[in-house]
Amino acid sequence: MNINKSEFLGLVRAESAARKSTAVLAEKEKLRNEIESGLEKFLANGGEIKQLKGTEIKPLPPRSIAESNNHASVMQVGALIDWCKKGHPRRSRRLAIAERTGLSKSRVSQCLSPSSNSKLTKREYAQIKAVLQDIEDAEMEWEVGGGV
């Protein structure tokens, strides 16, 4: 029987893999047998098996309420960011929020930008929420009045 070099190398690789996989299984089986025989000797000499108390699963402590009470939730801020995106392209809703709430333009931009890490306080959120309808009404008047 004649075989070429690539077929020969394939057979060698397959045989090598087979030896490795069976060698691992044989080693594991040998180790299992050693442990079982050692356990039988231990019990035969009067040894006892005691089950130790395992680690108990403890729930995580509740998060501090004080941490979350000072800032608006991620969902609230996300809703405001989405609302700002839906505005007219020529009139910035963030600028309108700053004008009507008295918050600085930079603060409003920091908190209401999608990639920002700044946190909006609950007080600021309430101020902004209070003027949203006024801003929408002003946008409607501007569009109806011919500002487009």
Protein backbone atom coordinates (compact mmCIF):
# COMPACT_ATOMS: atom_id res chain seq x y z
CA MET A 1 0.00 0.00 0.00
CA ASN A 2 1.47 3.33 -1.02
CA ILE A 3 0.41 6.64 0.54
CA ASN A 4 1.69 10.12 -0.10
CA LYS A 5 3.35 12.35 2.45
CA SER A 6 0.25 14.43 3.35
CA GLU A 7 -1.83 11.29 3.99
CA PHE A 8 0.95 9.87 6.15
CA LEU A 9 1.19 13.08 8.22
CA GLY A 10 -2.59 13.09 8.65
CA LEU A 11 -2.51 9.54 9.99
CA VAL A 12 0.33 10.40 12.37
CA ARG A 13 -1.58 13.42 13.71
CA ALA A 14 -4.76 11.37 14.17
CA GLU A 15 -2.90 8.60 16.00
CA SER A 16 -1.13 11.12 18.21
CA ALA A 17 -4.43 12.81 19.12
CA ALA A 18 -6.02 9.43 19.88
CA ARG A 19 -3.14 8.49 22.18
CA LYS A 20 -3.33 11.79 24.03
CA SER A 21 -7.09 11.60 24.57
CA THR A 22 -7.03 7.99 25.76
CA ALA A 23 -3.97 8.69 27.91
CA VAL A 24 -5.85 11.44 29.73
CA LEU A 25 -8.85 9.16 30.30
CA ALA A 26 -6.62 6.35 31.53
CA GLU A 27 -4.85 8.69 33.95
CA LYS A 28 -8.16 9.93 35.32
CA GLU A 29 -9.45 6.40 35.76
CA LYS A 30 -6.22 5.40 37.57
CA LEU A 31 -6.54 8.41 39.88
CA ARG A 32 -10.20 7.57 40.64
CA ASN A 33 -9.20 4.00 41.56
CA GLU A 34 -6.42 5.26 43.86
CA ILE A 35 -8.82 7.63 45.64
CA GLU A 36 -11.44 4.90 46.07
CA SER A 37 -8.90 2.42 47.47
CA GLY A 38 -7.50 5.06 49.81
CA LEU A 39 -11.03 5.88 51.01
CA GLU A 40 -11.78 2.18 51.63
CA LYS A 41 -8.56 1.78 53.67
CA PHE A 42 -9.42 4.90 55.68
CA LEU A 43 -12.91 3.63 56.51
CA ALA A 44 -11.61 0.10 57.25
CA ASN A 45 -9.17 1.54 59.84
CA GLY A 46 -12.03 3.20 61.76
CA GLY A 47 -12.04 6.55 60.00
CA GLU A 48 -15.23 8.54 59.69
CA ILE A 49 -16.46 10.88 57.02
CA LYS A 50 -17.77 14.16 58.36
CA GLN A 51 -19.49 16.62 56.13
CA LEU A 52 -18.29 20.12 56.77
CA LYS A 53 -20.63 23.03 56.71
CA GLY A 54 -20.33 24.65 53.29
CA THR A 55 -20.14 28.30 52.58
CA GLU A 56 -23.45 30.00 53.05
CA ILE A 57 -24.77 32.22 50.34
CA LYS A 58 -25.43 35.65 51.70
CA PRO A 59 -27.32 38.22 49.67
CA LEU A 60 -25.57 41.48 48.94
CA PRO A 61 -26.47 44.27 51.32
CA PRO A 62 -28.99 46.75 49.95
CA ARG A 63 -27.53 49.75 48.22
CA SER A 64 -27.48 52.97 50.08
CA ILE A 65 -30.63 54.99 49.46
CA ALA A 66 -28.67 58.16 50.07
CA GLU A 67 -26.54 57.51 46.98
CA SER A 68 -29.45 57.31 44.57
CA ASN A 69 -31.71 59.94 46.14
CA ASN A 70 -29.61 62.89 45.02
CA HIS A 71 -29.58 62.18 41.30
CA ALA A 72 -32.11 61.60 38.56
CA SER A 73 -32.33 58.04 37.33
CA VAL A 74 -30.61 56.86 34.18
CA MET A 75 -34.02 56.34 32.57
CA GLN A 76 -35.13 59.88 33.39
CA VAL A 77 -31.97 61.38 31.94
CA GLY A 78 -32.21 59.11 28.91
CA ALA A 79 -35.77 60.30 28.27
CA LEU A 80 -34.60 63.93 28.46
CA ILE A 81 -31.73 63.24 26.03
CA ASP A 82 -34.17 61.62 23.59
CA TRP A 83 -36.54 64.58 23.99
CA CYS A 84 -33.71 66.99 23.18
CA LYS A 85 -32.83 65.02 20.04
CA LYS A 86 -36.40 65.29 18.73
CA GLY A 87 -36.30 69.07 18.63
CA HIS A 88 -36.07 71.28 15.57
CA PRO A 89 -32.63 71.15 13.94
CA ARG A 90 -32.24 74.94 13.99
CA ARG A 91 -33.43 75.53 17.54
CA SER A 92 -31.58 73.75 20.33
CA ARG A 93 -33.83 72.37 23.04
CA ARG A 94 -30.85 72.32 25.41
CA LEU A 95 -30.42 76.06 24.94
CA ALA A 96 -34.14 76.59 25.57
CA ILE A 97 -33.88 74.55 28.78
CA ALA A 98 -30.96 76.69 29.97
CA GLU A 99 -32.82 79.92 29.20
CA ARG A 100 -36.03 78.88 30.97
CA THR A 101 -34.54 77.14 34.03
CA GLY A 102 -31.64 79.46 34.80
CA LEU A 103 -29.19 76.55 34.65
CA SER A 104 -25.98 77.31 32.80
CA LYS A 105 -25.72 76.22 29.16
CA SER A 106 -22.63 74.17 29.94
CA ARG A 107 -24.36 72.36 32.83
CA VAL A 108 -27.36 71.48 30.65
CA SER A 109 -25.07 70.32 27.83
CA GLN A 110 -22.95 68.26 30.22
CA CYS A 111 -25.91 66.46 31.75
CA LEU A 112 -28.04 66.04 28.63
CA SER A 113 -25.44 64.82 26.17
CA PRO A 114 -25.49 61.11 25.32
CA SER A 115 -21.80 60.50 26.04
CA SER A 116 -21.64 62.52 29.24
CA ASN A 117 -20.80 61.12 32.67
CA SER A 118 -22.18 64.13 34.54
CA LYS A 119 -25.13 63.41 36.78
CA LEU A 120 -28.29 65.47 36.83
CA THR A 121 -29.58 66.19 40.33
CA LYS A 122 -33.21 65.56 41.15
CA ARG A 123 -33.71 69.29 41.70
CA GLU A 124 -32.33 70.07 38.25
CA TYR A 125 -34.46 67.30 36.75
CA ALA A 126 -37.60 68.78 38.33
CA GLN A 127 -36.69 72.25 36.99
CA ILE A 128 -36.19 70.89 33.49
CA LYS A 129 -39.32 68.73 33.57
CA ALA A 130 -41.37 71.79 34.54
CA VAL A 131 -40.41 73.72 31.39
CA LEU A 132 -40.62 70.97 28.77
CA GLN A 133 -44.24 71.66 27.84
CA ASP A 134 -43.54 75.43 27.58
CA ILE A 135 -40.66 74.71 25.19
CA GLU A 136 -42.83 72.44 23.05
CA ASP A 137 -45.59 75.08 22.96
CA ALA A 138 -43.07 77.75 21.92
CA GLU A 139 -41.79 75.46 19.15
CA MET A 140 -45.33 74.98 17.84
CA GLU A 141 -45.94 78.75 17.84
CA TRP A 142 -42.64 79.32 16.10
CA GLU A 143 -43.51 76.79 13.37
CA VAL A 144 -47.07 78.07 12.94
CA GLY A 145 -45.92 81.69 12.99
CA GLY A 146 -43.72 81.15 9.97
CA GLY A 147 -40.38 80.64 11.66
CA VAL A 148 -39.66 77.58 9.57
